[in-house]
C-alpha atoms as a PDB file:
ATOM      1  CA  MET A   1      96.259  16.151  78.416  1.00  0.00           C
ATOM      2  CA  HIS A   2      94.963  17.723  75.205  1.00  0.00           C
ATOM      3  CA  SER A   3      98.043  19.393  73.731  1.00  0.00           C
ATOM      4  CA  VAL A   4      97.612  22.330  71.356  1.00  0.00           C
ATOM      5  CA  ASN A   5     100.599  21.121  69.311  1.00  0.00           C
ATOM      6  CA  ASN A   6      99.585  21.106  65.605  1.00  0.00           C
ATOM      7  CA  LYS A   7      96.102  22.371  66.558  1.00  0.00           C
ATOM      8  CA  VAL A   8      94.402  25.470  65.144  1.00  0.00           C
ATOM      9  CA  VAL A   9      94.038  28.055  67.922  1.00  0.00           C
ATOM     10  CA  VAL A  10      91.979  31.192  67.260  1.00  0.00           C
ATOM     11  CA  ILE A  11      92.446  34.199  69.565  1.00  0.00           C
ATOM     12  CA  THR A  12      90.467  37.440  69.491  1.00  0.00           C
ATOM     13  CA  GLY A  13      91.870  40.730  70.760  1.00  0.00           C
ATOM     14  CA  GLY A  14      95.478  39.655  70.302  1.00  0.00           C
ATOM     15  CA  SER A  15      97.270  42.958  69.880  1.00  0.00           C
ATOM     16  CA  SER A  16      98.083  43.547  73.567  1.00  0.00           C
ATOM     17  CA  GLY A  17      97.959  42.176  77.089  1.00  0.00           C
ATOM     18  CA  ILE A  18      96.589  38.685  77.670  1.00  0.00           C
ATOM     19  CA  GLY A  19      95.776  38.205  73.975  1.00  0.00           C
ATOM     20  CA  LYS A  20      99.324  38.950  72.863  1.00  0.00           C
ATOM     21  CA  ALA A  21     100.717  36.619  75.536  1.00  0.00           C
ATOM     22  CA  LEU A  22      98.300  33.876  74.437  1.00  0.00           C
ATOM     23  CA  VAL A  23      99.460  34.186  70.830  1.00  0.00           C
ATOM     24  CA  GLU A  24     103.115  33.907  71.816  1.00  0.00           C
ATOM     25  CA  LEU A  25     102.512  30.953  74.141  1.00  0.00           C
ATOM     26  CA  SER A  26     100.330  29.081  71.647  1.00  0.00           C
ATOM     27  CA  LEU A  27     102.995  29.431  68.970  1.00  0.00           C
ATOM     28  CA  ALA A  28     105.646  28.268  71.438  1.00  0.00           C
ATOM     29  CA  ARG A  29     103.567  25.157  72.149  1.00  0.00           C
ATOM     30  CA  GLY A  30     103.384  24.293  68.469  1.00  0.00           C
ATOM     31  CA  ALA A  31      99.936  25.556  67.508  1.00  0.00           C
ATOM     32  CA  LYS A  32      98.792  27.151  64.291  1.00  0.00           C
ATOM     33  CA  VAL A  33      97.499  30.518  65.514  1.00  0.00           C
ATOM     34  CA  ALA A  34      94.926  32.827  63.961  1.00  0.00           C
ATOM     35  CA  VAL A  35      94.613  36.177  65.714  1.00  0.00           C
ATOM     36  CA  CYS A  36      92.411  39.185  65.091  1.00  0.00           C
ATOM     37  CA  ALA A  37      92.344  42.793  66.232  1.00  0.00           C
ATOM     38  CA  ARG A  38      90.905  46.038  64.951  1.00  0.00           C
ATOM     39  CA  SER A  39      94.359  47.187  63.809  1.00  0.00           C
ATOM     40  CA  ILE A  40      96.057  44.818  61.371  1.00  0.00           C
ATOM     41  CA  ASP A  41      99.129  47.054  61.274  1.00  0.00           C
ATOM     42  CA  LYS A  42      99.567  46.735  65.026  1.00  0.00           C
ATOM     43  CA  LEU A  43      99.160  42.973  64.851  1.00  0.00           C
ATOM     44  CA  GLN A  44     101.689  42.556  62.083  1.00  0.00           C
ATOM     45  CA  SER A  45     104.202  44.790  63.829  1.00  0.00           C
ATOM     46  CA  MET A  46     104.041  42.761  67.049  1.00  0.00           C
ATOM     47  CA  PHE A  47     104.638  39.239  65.751  1.00  0.00           C
ATOM     48  CA  THR A  48     107.295  37.619  63.579  1.00  0.00           C
ATOM     49  CA  PRO A  49     105.672  36.366  60.355  1.00  0.00           C
ATOM     50  CA  SER A  50     105.504  32.573  60.024  1.00  0.00           C
ATOM     51  CA  ASP A  51     103.498  29.843  58.312  1.00  0.00           C
ATOM     52  CA  ASN A  52     101.863  29.102  61.655  1.00  0.00           C
ATOM     53  CA  LEU A  53     100.551  32.639  62.221  1.00  0.00           C
ATOM     54  CA  PHE A  54      97.554  34.236  60.522  1.00  0.00           C
ATOM     55  CA  CYS A  55      96.770  37.876  61.367  1.00  0.00           C
ATOM     56  CA  TYR A  56      93.344  39.256  60.478  1.00  0.00           C
ATOM     57  CA  LYS A  57      91.661  42.636  60.810  1.00  0.00           C
ATOM     58  CA  ALA A  58      88.320  42.282  62.605  1.00  0.00           C
ATOM     59  CA  ASP A  59      86.112  44.176  65.035  1.00  0.00           C
ATOM     60  CA  VAL A  60      84.367  41.476  67.078  1.00  0.00           C
ATOM     61  CA  SER A  61      81.378  43.742  67.738  1.00  0.00           C
ATOM     62  CA  ILE A  62      80.544  43.425  64.026  1.00  0.00           C
ATOM     63  CA  GLU A  63      78.877  40.122  63.126  1.00  0.00           C
ATOM     64  CA  ALA A  64      80.135  40.089  59.540  1.00  0.00           C
ATOM     65  CA  ASP A  65      83.750  40.610  60.675  1.00  0.00           C
ATOM     66  CA  CYS A  66      83.501  37.587  62.963  1.00  0.00           C
ATOM     67  CA  LYS A  67      82.003  35.420  60.231  1.00  0.00           C
ATOM     68  CA  ASN A  68      84.633  36.454  57.713  1.00  0.00           C
ATOM     69  CA  PHE A  69      87.411  35.807  60.247  1.00  0.00           C
ATOM     70  CA  MET A  70      86.214  32.286  61.076  1.00  0.00           C
ATOM     71  CA  ASP A  71      85.535  31.473  57.415  1.00  0.00           C
ATOM     72  CA  SER A  72      89.058  32.609  56.530  1.00  0.00           C
ATOM     73  CA  VAL A  73      90.633  30.471  59.257  1.00  0.00           C
ATOM     74  CA  ILE A  74      88.659  27.395  58.212  1.00  0.00           C
ATOM     75  CA  LYS A  75      89.547  27.947  54.553  1.00  0.00           C
ATOM     76  CA  ARG A  76      93.229  28.338  55.432  1.00  0.00           C
ATOM     77  CA  TRP A  77      93.668  25.442  57.861  1.00  0.00           C
ATOM     78  CA  GLY A  78      90.547  23.295  57.462  1.00  0.00           C
ATOM     79  CA  GLY A  79      88.931  23.979  60.810  1.00  0.00           C
ATOM     80  CA  VAL A  80      89.161  25.357  64.348  1.00  0.00           C
ATOM     81  CA  ASP A  81      90.319  23.342  67.361  1.00  0.00           C
ATOM     82  CA  VAL A  82      90.430  26.033  70.031  1.00  0.00           C
ATOM     83  CA  LEU A  83      88.644  29.405  70.129  1.00  0.00           C
ATOM     84  CA  ILE A  84      89.725  31.824  72.841  1.00  0.00           C
ATOM     85  CA  ASN A  85      87.263  34.715  73.107  1.00  0.00           C
ATOM     86  CA  ASN A  86      89.635  37.218  74.662  1.00  0.00           C
ATOM     87  CA  ALA A  87      88.670  40.582  73.126  1.00  0.00           C
ATOM     88  CA  GLY A  88      87.184  42.909  75.709  1.00  0.00           C
ATOM     89  CA  ILE A  89      86.887  46.419  77.084  1.00  0.00           C
ATOM     90  CA  SER A  90      86.129  47.731  80.557  1.00  0.00           C
ATOM     91  CA  MET A  91      84.582  50.853  82.093  1.00  0.00           C
ATOM     92  CA  ARG A  92      84.849  53.053  85.183  1.00  0.00           C
ATOM     93  CA  ALA A  93      81.838  55.269  85.739  1.00  0.00           C
ATOM     94  CA  LEU A  94      78.727  55.344  87.880  1.00  0.00           C
ATOM     95  CA  PHE A  95      75.667  53.961  86.102  1.00  0.00           C
ATOM     96  CA  GLU A  96      73.821  57.208  86.904  1.00  0.00           C
ATOM     97  CA  ASP A  97      76.450  59.197  85.003  1.00  0.00           C
ATOM     98  CA  ALA A  98      77.284  56.777  82.190  1.00  0.00           C
ATOM     99  CA  ASP A  99      75.957  57.308  78.715  1.00  0.00           C
ATOM    100  CA  LEU A 100      73.932  54.290  77.605  1.00  0.00           C
ATOM    101  CA  SER A 101      76.198  53.962  74.588  1.00  0.00           C
ATOM    102  CA  VAL A 102      78.985  52.914  76.983  1.00  0.00           C
ATOM    103  CA  ILE A 103      76.918  49.990  78.330  1.00  0.00           C
ATOM    104  CA  ARG A 104      75.931  49.022  74.792  1.00  0.00           C
ATOM    105  CA  GLU A 105      79.527  49.039  73.577  1.00  0.00           C
ATOM    106  CA  LEU A 106      80.654  46.779  76.397  1.00  0.00           C
ATOM    107  CA  MET A 107      77.879  44.304  75.642  1.00  0.00           C
ATOM    108  CA  ASP A 108      78.672  44.431  71.920  1.00  0.00           C
ATOM    109  CA  VAL A 109      82.362  43.636  72.428  1.00  0.00           C
ATOM    110  CA  ASN A 110      82.477  41.481  75.564  1.00  0.00           C
ATOM    111  CA  PHE A 111      79.298  39.461  75.055  1.00  0.00           C
ATOM    112  CA  TRP A 112      78.186  39.649  71.428  1.00  0.00           C
ATOM    113  CA  GLY A 113      81.767  39.414  70.165  1.00  0.00           C
ATOM    114  CA  ALA A 114      82.109  36.035  71.886  1.00  0.00           C
ATOM    115  CA  VAL A 115      78.675  34.909  70.690  1.00  0.00           C
ATOM    116  CA  TYR A 116      79.406  35.847  67.060  1.00  0.00           C
ATOM    117  CA  CYS A 117      82.814  34.177  66.935  1.00  0.00           C
ATOM    118  CA  THR A 118      81.574  31.056  68.677  1.00  0.00           C
ATOM    119  CA  LYS A 119      78.555  30.806  66.381  1.00  0.00           C
ATOM    120  CA  PHE A 120      80.678  30.756  63.240  1.00  0.00           C
ATOM    121  CA  ALA A 121      83.257  28.321  64.649  1.00  0.00           C
ATOM    122  CA  ILE A 122      81.124  25.960  66.721  1.00  0.00           C
ATOM    123  CA  THR A 123      80.352  23.337  64.074  1.00  0.00           C
ATOM    124  CA  SER A 124      84.035  22.904  63.277  1.00  0.00           C
ATOM    125  CA  ILE A 125      84.974  22.881  66.975  1.00  0.00           C
ATOM    126  CA  ARG A 126      82.322  20.249  67.727  1.00  0.00           C
ATOM    127  CA  GLN A 127      83.430  18.065  64.834  1.00  0.00           C
ATOM    128  CA  ARG A 128      87.022  18.239  66.091  1.00  0.00           C
ATOM    129  CA  ARG A 129      86.034  17.770  69.755  1.00  0.00           C
ATOM    130  CA  GLY A 130      87.747  21.060  70.416  1.00  0.00           C
ATOM    131  CA  THR A 131      87.497  23.859  72.944  1.00  0.00           C
ATOM    132  CA  VAL A 132      85.633  27.157  73.376  1.00  0.00           C
ATOM    133  CA  VAL A 133      87.086  29.561  75.949  1.00  0.00           C
ATOM    134  CA  GLY A 134      85.730  32.816  77.307  1.00  0.00           C
ATOM    135  CA  VAL A 135      88.035  35.222  79.106  1.00  0.00           C
ATOM    136  CA  SER A 136      85.675  36.518  81.756  1.00  0.00           C
ATOM    137  CA  SER A 137      86.383  38.240  85.077  1.00  0.00           C
ATOM    138  CA  ILE A 138      85.590  38.177  88.766  1.00  0.00           C
ATOM    139  CA  ALA A 139      82.969  40.696  87.608  1.00  0.00           C
ATOM    140  CA  GLY A 140      81.202  37.712  86.008  1.00  0.00           C
ATOM    141  CA  TYR A 141      80.563  36.289  89.474  1.00  0.00           C
ATOM    142  CA  ARG A 142      80.192  39.468  91.501  1.00  0.00           C
ATOM    143  CA  GLY A 143      78.805  42.777  90.213  1.00  0.00           C
ATOM    144  CA  LEU A 144      81.273  45.602  90.740  1.00  0.00           C
ATOM    145  CA  PRO A 145      80.387  49.251  91.447  1.00  0.00           C
ATOM    146  CA  ALA A 146      81.240  51.760  88.720  1.00  0.00           C
ATOM    147  CA  ARG A 147      81.573  48.747  86.382  1.00  0.00           C
ATOM    148  CA  THR A 148      77.898  47.873  85.928  1.00  0.00           C
ATOM    149  CA  GLY A 149      78.117  47.470  82.154  1.00  0.00           C
ATOM    150  CA  TYR A 150      81.305  45.432  82.429  1.00  0.00           C
ATOM    151  CA  SER A 151      79.773  43.181  85.083  1.00  0.00           C
ATOM    152  CA  ALA A 152      76.625  42.718  83.006  1.00  0.00           C
ATOM    153  CA  SER A 153      78.655  41.699  79.948  1.00  0.00           C
ATOM    154  CA  LYS A 154      80.690  39.144  81.922  1.00  0.00           C
ATOM    155  CA  PHE A 155      77.636  37.670  83.668  1.00  0.00           C
ATOM    156  CA  ALA A 156      76.062  37.298  80.225  1.00  0.00           C
ATOM    157  CA  LEU A 157      79.220  35.688  78.825  1.00  0.00           C
ATOM    158  CA  GLN A 158      79.377  33.116  81.616  1.00  0.00           C
ATOM    159  CA  GLY A 159      75.675  32.289  81.321  1.00  0.00           C
ATOM    160  CA  PHE A 160      76.084  31.791  77.580  1.00  0.00           C
ATOM    161  CA  LEU A 161      79.096  29.521  78.006  1.00  0.00           C
ATOM    162  CA  GLU A 162      77.513  27.480  80.801  1.00  0.00           C
ATOM    163  CA  GLY A 163      74.437  26.895  78.668  1.00  0.00           C
ATOM    164  CA  LEU A 164      76.612  25.976  75.682  1.00  0.00           C
ATOM    165  CA  ARG A 165      78.716  23.630  77.804  1.00  0.00           C
ATOM    166  CA  THR A 166      75.579  21.787  78.899  1.00  0.00           C
ATOM    167  CA  GLU A 167      74.247  21.560  75.331  1.00  0.00           C
ATOM    168  CA  LEU A 168      77.520  20.004  74.191  1.00  0.00           C
ATOM    169  CA  LEU A 169      78.009  17.794  77.253  1.00  0.00           C
ATOM    170  CA  HIS A 170      78.001  14.505  75.328  1.00  0.00           C
ATOM    171  CA  THR A 171      79.795  15.655  72.178  1.00  0.00           C
ATOM    172  CA  GLY A 172      83.362  15.655  73.466  1.00  0.00           C
ATOM    173  CA  THR A 173      83.509  19.440  73.144  1.00  0.00           C
ATOM    174  CA  HIS A 174      85.165  21.392  75.935  1.00  0.00           C
ATOM    175  CA  VAL A 175      83.767  24.761  77.099  1.00  0.00           C
ATOM    176  CA  MET A 176      85.665  26.777  79.702  1.00  0.00           C
ATOM    177  CA  TRP A 177      85.607  30.273  81.145  1.00  0.00           C
ATOM    178  CA  VAL A 178      88.449  31.882  83.024  1.00  0.00           C
ATOM    179  CA  SER A 179      88.332  34.764  85.466  1.00  0.00           C
ATOM    180  CA  PRO A 180      91.586  36.685  85.866  1.00  0.00           C
ATOM    181  CA  GLY A 181      91.923  39.066  88.759  1.00  0.00           C
ATOM    182  CA  PHE A 182      93.669  42.379  88.188  1.00  0.00           C
ATOM    183  CA  ILE A 183      96.233  41.824  85.425  1.00  0.00           C
ATOM    184  CA  ALA A 184      99.009  44.210  84.369  1.00  0.00           C
ATOM    185  CA  THR A 185      97.523  45.052  80.960  1.00  0.00           C
ATOM    186  CA  ASN A 186      96.261  48.212  79.315  1.00  0.00           C
ATOM    187  CA  ILE A 187      92.564  47.245  79.583  1.00  0.00           C
ATOM    188  CA  ARG A 188      92.015  49.783  82.361  1.00  0.00           C
ATOM    189  CA  ASN A 189      93.967  52.438  80.489  1.00  0.00           C
ATOM    190  CA  VAL A 190      91.450  52.227  77.659  1.00  0.00           C
ATOM    191  CA  ALA A 191      88.463  51.581  79.945  1.00  0.00           C
ATOM    192  CA  ARG A 192      85.487  53.727  79.056  1.00  0.00           C
ATOM    193  CA  SER A 193      84.645  56.779  81.120  1.00  0.00           C
ATOM    194  CA  SER A 194      81.083  58.041  81.536  1.00  0.00           C
ATOM    195  CA  ASP A 195      81.062  59.677  78.095  1.00  0.00           C
ATOM    196  CA  GLY A 196      82.710  56.758  76.317  1.00  0.00           C
ATOM    197  CA  SER A 197      86.183  58.281  76.130  1.00  0.00           C
ATOM    198  CA  ALA A 198      89.240  56.273  77.158  1.00  0.00           C
ATOM    199  CA  GLN A 199      90.143  56.509  80.837  1.00  0.00           C
ATOM    200  CA  ALA A 200      93.822  57.015  79.823  1.00  0.00           C
ATOM    201  CA  GLU A 201      95.280  55.930  83.154  1.00  0.00           C
ATOM    202  CA  THR A 202      94.751  53.096  85.614  1.00  0.00           C
ATOM    203  CA  PRO A 203      93.972  53.616  89.315  1.00  0.00           C
ATOM    204  CA  LEU A 204      95.972  50.477  90.185  1.00  0.00           C
ATOM    205  CA  ASP A 205      99.649  49.851  90.905  1.00  0.00           C
ATOM    206  CA  GLU A 206     100.539  47.692  87.893  1.00  0.00           C
ATOM    207  CA  SER A 207     103.770  46.476  89.531  1.00  0.00           C
ATOM    208  CA  LYS A 208     101.763  44.429  92.048  1.00  0.00           C
ATOM    209  CA  LEU A 209      99.533  42.680  89.490  1.00  0.00           C
ATOM    210  CA  MET A 210      99.772  39.320  87.716  1.00  0.00           C
ATOM    211  CA  SER A 211     101.615  39.490  84.403  1.00  0.00           C
ATOM    212  CA  PRO A 212      99.820  38.737  81.115  1.00  0.00           C
ATOM    213  CA  GLU A 213     102.316  35.939  80.522  1.00  0.00           C
ATOM    214  CA  GLU A 214     101.414  34.187  83.776  1.00  0.00           C
ATOM    215  CA  CYS A 215      97.720  34.642  83.032  1.00  0.00           C
ATOM    216  CA  ALA A 216      98.192  33.153  79.544  1.00  0.00           C
ATOM    217  CA  ARG A 217     100.061  30.187  81.005  1.00  0.00           C
ATOM    218  CA  LEU A 218      97.210  29.435  83.409  1.00  0.00           C
ATOM    219  CA  ILE A 219      94.673  29.697  80.590  1.00  0.00           C
ATOM    220  CA  MET A 220      96.627  27.435  78.248  1.00  0.00           C
ATOM    221  CA  ASN A 221      97.244  24.858  80.975  1.00  0.00           C
ATOM    222  CA  GLY A 222      93.501  24.893  81.690  1.00  0.00           C
ATOM    223  CA  ILE A 223      92.738  24.298  78.027  1.00  0.00           C
ATOM    224  CA  GLU A 224      95.154  21.394  77.808  1.00  0.00           C
ATOM    225  CA  SER A 225      93.830  19.805  81.026  1.00  0.00           C
ATOM    226  CA  ARG A 226      90.198  20.619  80.110  1.00  0.00           C
ATOM    227  CA  LYS A 227      89.272  22.479  83.264  1.00  0.00           C
ATOM    228  CA  ARG A 228      85.716  23.751  83.627  1.00  0.00           C
ATOM    229  CA  THR A 229      86.592  27.149  85.101  1.00  0.00           C
ATOM    230  CA  ILE A 230      89.627  28.960  86.435  1.00  0.00           C
ATOM    231  CA  VAL A 231      89.395  31.722  89.018  1.00  0.00           C
ATOM    232  CA  MET A 232      92.803  33.340  89.292  1.00  0.00           C
ATOM    233  CA  THR A 233      94.366  35.011  92.336  1.00  0.00           C
ATOM    234  CA  GLY A 234      93.563  34.490  95.994  1.00  0.00           C
ATOM    235  CA  GLN A 235      91.588  37.735  96.102  1.00  0.00           C
ATOM    236  CA  GLY A 236      89.400  36.523  93.238  1.00  0.00           C
ATOM    237  CA  LYS A 237      88.708  33.159  94.849  1.00  0.00           C
ATOM    238  CA  LEU A 238      87.894  34.816  98.167  1.00  0.00           C
ATOM    239  CA  THR A 239      85.511  37.253  96.460  1.00  0.00           C
ATOM    240  CA  VAL A 240      83.600  34.453  94.706  1.00  0.00           C
ATOM    241  CA  TRP A 241      83.397  32.428  97.930  1.00  0.00           C
ATOM    242  CA  MET A 242      82.291  35.388 100.050  1.00  0.00           C
ATOM    243  CA  ASN A 243      79.642  36.398  97.534  1.00  0.00           C
ATOM    244  CA  LYS A 244      78.101  32.923  97.590  1.00  0.00           C
ATOM    245  CA  LEU A 245      78.023  32.517 101.358  1.00  0.00           C
ATOM    246  CA  PHE A 246      77.741  36.081 102.680  1.00  0.00           C
ATOM    247  CA  PRO A 247      76.352  38.302  99.900  1.00  0.00           C
ATOM    248  CA  GLY A 248      75.369  41.167 102.208  1.00  0.00           C
ATOM    249  CA  LEU A 249      78.842  41.326 103.702  1.00  0.00           C
ATOM    250  CA  ALA A 250      80.325  41.071 100.211  1.00  0.00           C
ATOM    251  CA  ASP A 251      78.327  44.161  99.191  1.00  0.00           C
ATOM    252  CA  LYS A 252      79.983  46.184 101.944  1.00  0.00           C
ATOM    253  CA  LEU A 253      83.492  44.810 101.390  1.00  0.00           C
ATOM    254  CA  VAL A 254      83.385  45.345  97.630  1.00  0.00           C
ATOM    255  CA  TYR A 255      81.973  48.852  98.038  1.00  0.00           C
ATOM    256  CA  ASN A 256      84.696  49.814 100.508  1.00  0.00           C
ATOM    257  CA  HIS A 257      87.406  48.309  98.318  1.00  0.00           C
ATOM    258  CA  PHE A 258      86.424  50.360  95.280  1.00  0.00           C
ATOM    259  CA  LEU A 259      85.753  53.470  97.356  1.00  0.00           C
ATOM    260  CA  LYS A 260      89.455  53.477  98.289  1.00  0.00           C
ATOM    261  CA  GLU A 261      90.800  53.519  94.748  1.00  0.00           C
ATOM    262  CA  PRO A 262      92.198  56.870  93.532  1.00  0.00           C
ATOM    263  CA  ASP A 263      89.499  59.242  92.262  1.00  0.00           C
ATOM    264  CA  SER A 264      86.815  56.656  92.947  1.00  0.00           C
ATOM    265  CA  PRO A 265      83.484  57.560  91.288  1.00  0.00           C
ATOM    266  CA  LEU A 266      81.809  56.262  94.462  1.00  0.00           C
ATOM    267  CA  LYS A 267      82.995  59.355  96.352  1.00  0.00           C
ATOM    268  CA  LYS A 268      80.099  61.187  94.717  1.00  0.00           C
ATOM    269  CA  TYR A 269      77.759  59.280  97.028  1.00  0.00           C
ATOM    270  CA  GLU A 270      79.895  59.896 100.110  1.00  0.00           C
ATOM    271  CA  THR A 271      79.212  63.649 100.135  1.00  0.00           C
ATOM    272  CA  PRO A 272      75.982  65.211 101.476  1.00  0.00           C
ATOM    273  CA  ASN A 273      73.268  65.912  98.901  1.00  0.00           C
ATOM    274  CA  PRO A 274      75.276  64.886  95.814  1.00  0.00           C
END
């Protein structure tokens, strides 16, 4: 086991959901935690100040913000042991209807945000034989309708991390990506609509979803046991398996699943001459 006790853990997107739960769990396990979000006021209002917590204002889609964040962490604590690239946004709109700026924003946050932060931390992580984590999605294994930009960003993230893992294979550095299923967070509430505005409400019953705390526990246990990947939930594992063995059938099953969600964008294609 590779305990995070007395290690420097850096978490992006820590002001809500999985990120917030990861901060709380890392602190509980004895880590020194650096967390960033676009709103420093929100961060500081959510956590009790301590010598083991460093809150920083950063937008991960901005390269300079990521560099300044990592430089500040290294200056404060001497290095980075674990980087959890958690910051992310989603979407719900047909590609035909979506403004290209929506796709670009998802790539900037979900993919480039992870690339930037990893770039400016990787030397320290390698020297400390530490860990790089990407919080991906089932959408990183299986493209999802009305989430084309989100799927593209997660496929890109997983390809990046797999390549990085192979580069660092003999350095003692751990690279891992995790794929939660549907989690009871606000990511869908702020998911981008076709024009880039926030969706404002989720089409899912949040009471039936995995909690952020349980998701954070699985991620942290994976870090400490140095797992390669984690696919959470039975539905997620079944989707990945089906897509590998029966991709044509998976197309139909995934389409029908998302067609049934409330106000599904796919209903546009179910009517004659849309």
